[in-house]
Amino acid sequence: MSEDTPANLPVEDTEARAAELQRRLVELEAQSRERLIRAELKAQAMRAGMVDLDGLKLVDASVLTLDAAGEVQGAATLMQSLRRTKPWLFAGASASSAATPPPAEPPRTRLATEMTTKEWLAARADMLRRR
């Protein structure tokens, strides 16, 4: 065995090492919780239509919490209140699809030069009937 194994270390060193590892574990849990909250906050901001995610620097994320299932609580309500207080940070609300419908255009009338003879005769007869 090497000399760095816990069996060869004095009790004080082992306790100090365990305390250091415990401190690091708590620190890493806090960092991962913070990252998870930030990610959920970004997702909610995008759903709400935030123009620039730098606007999240104005948000106090300390009010957000994680529930037992690991879900972030309060992110949607925080975005709603931010949208009311600072509306310039947001564009229109986004839909579930990024596709936009085609612009509404009135149907274009076809010119006689674009029609076949048969189509022209039918269009002419229709026009004469309307008179």
C-alpha atoms as a PDB file:
ATOM      1  CA  MET A   1       0.000   0.000   0.000  1.00  0.00           C
ATOM      2  CA  SER A   2       1.134   3.534  -0.600  1.00  0.00           C
ATOM      3  CA  GLU A   3       1.683   5.969   2.212  1.00  0.00           C
ATOM      4  CA  ASP A   4      -1.238   8.210   1.132  1.00  0.00           C
ATOM      5  CA  THR A   5      -3.939   5.617   1.789  1.00  0.00           C
ATOM      6  CA  PRO A   6      -6.346   6.474   4.629  1.00  0.00           C
ATOM      7  CA  ALA A   7      -5.204   3.399   6.611  1.00  0.00           C
ATOM      8  CA  ASN A   8      -1.648   4.796   6.922  1.00  0.00           C
ATOM      9  CA  LEU A   9      -2.637   8.403   7.747  1.00  0.00           C
ATOM     10  CA  PRO A  10      -3.007   9.594  11.321  1.00  0.00           C
ATOM     11  CA  VAL A  11      -6.574  10.126  12.578  1.00  0.00           C
ATOM     12  CA  GLU A  12      -6.210  13.930  12.515  1.00  0.00           C
ATOM     13  CA  ASP A  13      -5.143  13.891   8.856  1.00  0.00           C
ATOM     14  CA  THR A  14      -7.992  11.547   7.961  1.00  0.00           C
ATOM     15  CA  GLU A  15     -10.507  13.754   9.738  1.00  0.00           C
ATOM     16  CA  ALA A  16      -9.095  16.867   8.062  1.00  0.00           C
ATOM     17  CA  ARG A  17      -9.246  15.162   4.663  1.00  0.00           C
ATOM     18  CA  ALA A  18     -12.852  14.042   5.293  1.00  0.00           C
ATOM     19  CA  ALA A  19     -13.798  17.579   6.330  1.00  0.00           C
ATOM     20  CA  GLU A  20     -12.160  19.000   3.194  1.00  0.00           C
ATOM     21  CA  LEU A  21     -13.970  16.468   0.990  1.00  0.00           C
ATOM     22  CA  GLN A  22     -17.252  17.269   2.714  1.00  0.00           C
ATOM     23  CA  ARG A  23     -16.695  20.990   2.140  1.00  0.00           C
ATOM     24  CA  ARG A  24     -15.927  20.369  -1.542  1.00  0.00           C
ATOM     25  CA  LEU A  25     -19.036  18.209  -1.879  1.00  0.00           C
ATOM     26  CA  VAL A  26     -21.249  20.944  -0.454  1.00  0.00           C
ATOM     27  CA  GLU A  27     -19.575  23.498  -2.725  1.00  0.00           C
ATOM     28  CA  LEU A  28     -20.098  21.330  -5.841  1.00  0.00           C
ATOM     29  CA  GLU A  29     -23.751  20.716  -4.938  1.00  0.00           C
ATOM     30  CA  ALA A  30     -24.307  24.454  -4.616  1.00  0.00           C
ATOM     31  CA  GLN A  31     -22.620  25.082  -7.983  1.00  0.00           C
ATOM     32  CA  SER A  32     -24.677  22.417  -9.739  1.00  0.00           C
ATOM     33  CA  ARG A  33     -27.885  23.773  -8.174  1.00  0.00           C
ATOM     34  CA  GLU A  34     -26.956  27.273  -9.370  1.00  0.00           C
ATOM     35  CA  ARG A  35     -26.243  26.013 -12.908  1.00  0.00           C
ATOM     36  CA  LEU A  36     -29.533  24.123 -13.040  1.00  0.00           C
ATOM     37  CA  ILE A  37     -31.458  27.194 -11.917  1.00  0.00           C
ATOM     38  CA  ARG A  38     -29.650  29.393 -14.473  1.00  0.00           C
ATOM     39  CA  ALA A  39     -30.396  26.912 -17.271  1.00  0.00           C
ATOM     40  CA  GLU A  40     -34.093  26.794 -16.376  1.00  0.00           C
ATOM     41  CA  LEU A  41     -34.168  30.570 -16.123  1.00  0.00           C
ATOM     42  CA  LYS A  42     -32.658  30.869 -19.613  1.00  0.00           C
ATOM     43  CA  ALA A  43     -35.218  28.414 -20.991  1.00  0.00           C
ATOM     44  CA  GLN A  44     -38.078  30.361 -19.416  1.00  0.00           C
ATOM     45  CA  ALA A  45     -36.639  33.637 -20.740  1.00  0.00           C
ATOM     46  CA  MET A  46     -36.504  32.253 -24.272  1.00  0.00           C
ATOM     47  CA  ARG A  47     -40.090  30.974 -23.988  1.00  0.00           C
ATOM     48  CA  ALA A  48     -41.195  34.391 -22.747  1.00  0.00           C
ATOM     49  CA  GLY A  49     -39.548  36.061 -25.758  1.00  0.00           C
ATOM     50  CA  MET A  50     -36.613  37.807 -24.103  1.00  0.00           C
ATOM     51  CA  VAL A  51     -34.667  39.642 -26.781  1.00  0.00           C
ATOM     52  CA  ASP A  52     -31.261  39.509 -25.074  1.00  0.00           C
ATOM     53  CA  LEU A  53     -30.388  36.975 -22.381  1.00  0.00           C
ATOM     54  CA  ASP A  54     -28.088  39.570 -20.788  1.00  0.00           C
ATOM     55  CA  GLY A  55     -31.329  40.824 -19.241  1.00  0.00           C
ATOM     56  CA  LEU A  56     -31.093  37.864 -16.864  1.00  0.00           C
ATOM     57  CA  LYS A  57     -28.395  39.772 -15.004  1.00  0.00           C
ATOM     58  CA  LEU A  58     -31.219  41.950 -13.672  1.00  0.00           C
ATOM     59  CA  VAL A  59     -32.972  38.949 -12.116  1.00  0.00           C
ATOM     60  CA  ASP A  60     -32.556  37.918  -8.498  1.00  0.00           C
ATOM     61  CA  ALA A  61     -32.259  34.142  -8.915  1.00  0.00           C
ATOM     62  CA  SER A  62     -32.039  33.595  -5.163  1.00  0.00           C
ATOM     63  CA  VAL A  63     -35.852  33.465  -5.005  1.00  0.00           C
ATOM     64  CA  LEU A  64     -35.849  30.317  -7.148  1.00  0.00           C
ATOM     65  CA  THR A  65     -35.699  26.942  -5.454  1.00  0.00           C
ATOM     66  CA  LEU A  66     -35.425  23.301  -6.403  1.00  0.00           C
ATOM     67  CA  ASP A  67     -38.119  20.891  -5.277  1.00  0.00           C
ATOM     68  CA  ALA A  68     -37.540  17.279  -4.243  1.00  0.00           C
ATOM     69  CA  ALA A  69     -37.812  16.109  -7.855  1.00  0.00           C
ATOM     70  CA  GLY A  70     -35.115  18.567  -8.967  1.00  0.00           C
ATOM     71  CA  GLU A  71     -37.563  20.903 -10.723  1.00  0.00           C
ATOM     72  CA  VAL A  72     -37.040  24.662 -10.493  1.00  0.00           C
ATOM     73  CA  GLN A  73     -39.925  26.410  -8.742  1.00  0.00           C
ATOM     74  CA  GLY A  74     -40.897  29.992  -9.557  1.00  0.00           C
ATOM     75  CA  ALA A  75     -39.037  30.578 -12.833  1.00  0.00           C
ATOM     76  CA  ALA A  76     -42.179  31.131 -14.901  1.00  0.00           C
ATOM     77  CA  THR A  77     -43.689  33.577 -12.426  1.00  0.00           C
ATOM     78  CA  LEU A  78     -40.375  35.413 -12.188  1.00  0.00           C
ATOM     79  CA  MET A  79     -40.340  35.833 -15.995  1.00  0.00           C
ATOM     80  CA  GLN A  80     -43.949  37.080 -15.944  1.00  0.00           C
ATOM     81  CA  SER A  81     -43.130  39.701 -13.341  1.00  0.00           C
ATOM     82  CA  LEU A  82     -39.971  40.715 -15.241  1.00  0.00           C
ATOM     83  CA  ARG A  83     -42.036  41.002 -18.416  1.00  0.00           C
ATOM     84  CA  ARG A  84     -44.445  43.369 -16.606  1.00  0.00           C
ATOM     85  CA  THR A  85     -41.736  45.502 -14.988  1.00  0.00           C
ATOM     86  CA  LYS A  86     -39.254  45.610 -17.878  1.00  0.00           C
ATOM     87  CA  PRO A  87     -41.216  45.047 -21.103  1.00  0.00           C
ATOM     88  CA  TRP A  88     -38.440  46.409 -23.342  1.00  0.00           C
ATOM     89  CA  LEU A  89     -36.454  43.224 -22.676  1.00  0.00           C
ATOM     90  CA  PHE A  90     -39.066  41.145 -24.482  1.00  0.00           C
ATOM     91  CA  ALA A  91     -40.360  40.772 -28.002  1.00  0.00           C
ATOM     92  CA  GLY A  92     -43.588  39.013 -28.861  1.00  0.00           C
ATOM     93  CA  ALA A  93     -44.200  35.711 -27.098  1.00  0.00           C
ATOM     94  CA  SER A  94     -42.773  32.776 -28.972  1.00  0.00           C
ATOM     95  CA  ALA A  95     -44.894  29.886 -30.106  1.00  0.00           C
ATOM     96  CA  SER A  96     -43.901  26.272 -29.929  1.00  0.00           C
ATOM     97  CA  SER A  97     -42.894  26.449 -33.576  1.00  0.00           C
ATOM     98  CA  ALA A  98     -40.354  28.845 -35.002  1.00  0.00           C
ATOM     99  CA  ALA A  99     -42.037  28.724 -38.427  1.00  0.00           C
ATOM    100  CA  THR A 100     -44.067  31.728 -39.439  1.00  0.00           C
ATOM    101  CA  PRO A 101     -47.161  31.487 -41.599  1.00  0.00           C
ATOM    102  CA  PRO A 102     -46.859  32.814 -45.126  1.00  0.00           C
ATOM    103  CA  PRO A 103     -47.982  36.399 -45.603  1.00  0.00           C
ATOM    104  CA  ALA A 104     -51.602  36.829 -46.636  1.00  0.00           C
ATOM    105  CA  GLU A 105     -51.768  37.943 -50.244  1.00  0.00           C
ATOM    106  CA  PRO A 106     -54.849  38.340 -52.381  1.00  0.00           C
ATOM    107  CA  PRO A 107     -54.988  35.921 -55.287  1.00  0.00           C
ATOM    108  CA  ARG A 108     -53.308  37.353 -58.334  1.00  0.00           C
ATOM    109  CA  THR A 109     -55.345  37.496 -61.513  1.00  0.00           C
ATOM    110  CA  ARG A 110     -53.860  35.542 -64.337  1.00  0.00           C
ATOM    111  CA  LEU A 111     -53.128  37.305 -67.551  1.00  0.00           C
ATOM    112  CA  ALA A 112     -54.497  36.010 -70.856  1.00  0.00           C
ATOM    113  CA  THR A 113     -50.935  35.484 -72.046  1.00  0.00           C
ATOM    114  CA  GLU A 114     -50.358  33.034 -69.167  1.00  0.00           C
ATOM    115  CA  MET A 115     -53.438  30.905 -70.017  1.00  0.00           C
ATOM    116  CA  THR A 116     -53.902  28.088 -72.429  1.00  0.00           C
ATOM    117  CA  THR A 117     -56.540  28.539 -75.117  1.00  0.00           C
ATOM    118  CA  LYS A 118     -58.965  26.322 -73.232  1.00  0.00           C
ATOM    119  CA  GLU A 119     -58.474  28.292 -69.974  1.00  0.00           C
ATOM    120  CA  TRP A 120     -58.865  31.593 -71.834  1.00  0.00           C
ATOM    121  CA  LEU A 121     -62.148  30.499 -73.410  1.00  0.00           C
ATOM    122  CA  ALA A 122     -63.490  29.384 -69.999  1.00  0.00           C
ATOM    123  CA  ALA A 123     -62.439  32.665 -68.353  1.00  0.00           C
ATOM    124  CA  ARG A 124     -63.956  34.682 -71.203  1.00  0.00           C
ATOM    125  CA  ALA A 125     -67.242  32.810 -70.987  1.00  0.00           C
ATOM    126  CA  ASP A 126     -67.312  33.335 -67.189  1.00  0.00           C
ATOM    127  CA  MET A 127     -66.695  37.048 -67.608  1.00  0.00           C
ATOM    128  CA  LEU A 128     -69.428  37.415 -70.227  1.00  0.00           C
ATOM    129  CA  ARG A 129     -71.917  35.600 -67.960  1.00  0.00           C
ATOM    130  CA  ARG A 130     -71.277  38.070 -65.129  1.00  0.00           C
ATOM    131  CA  ARG A 131     -72.265  41.054 -67.280  1.00  0.00           C
END
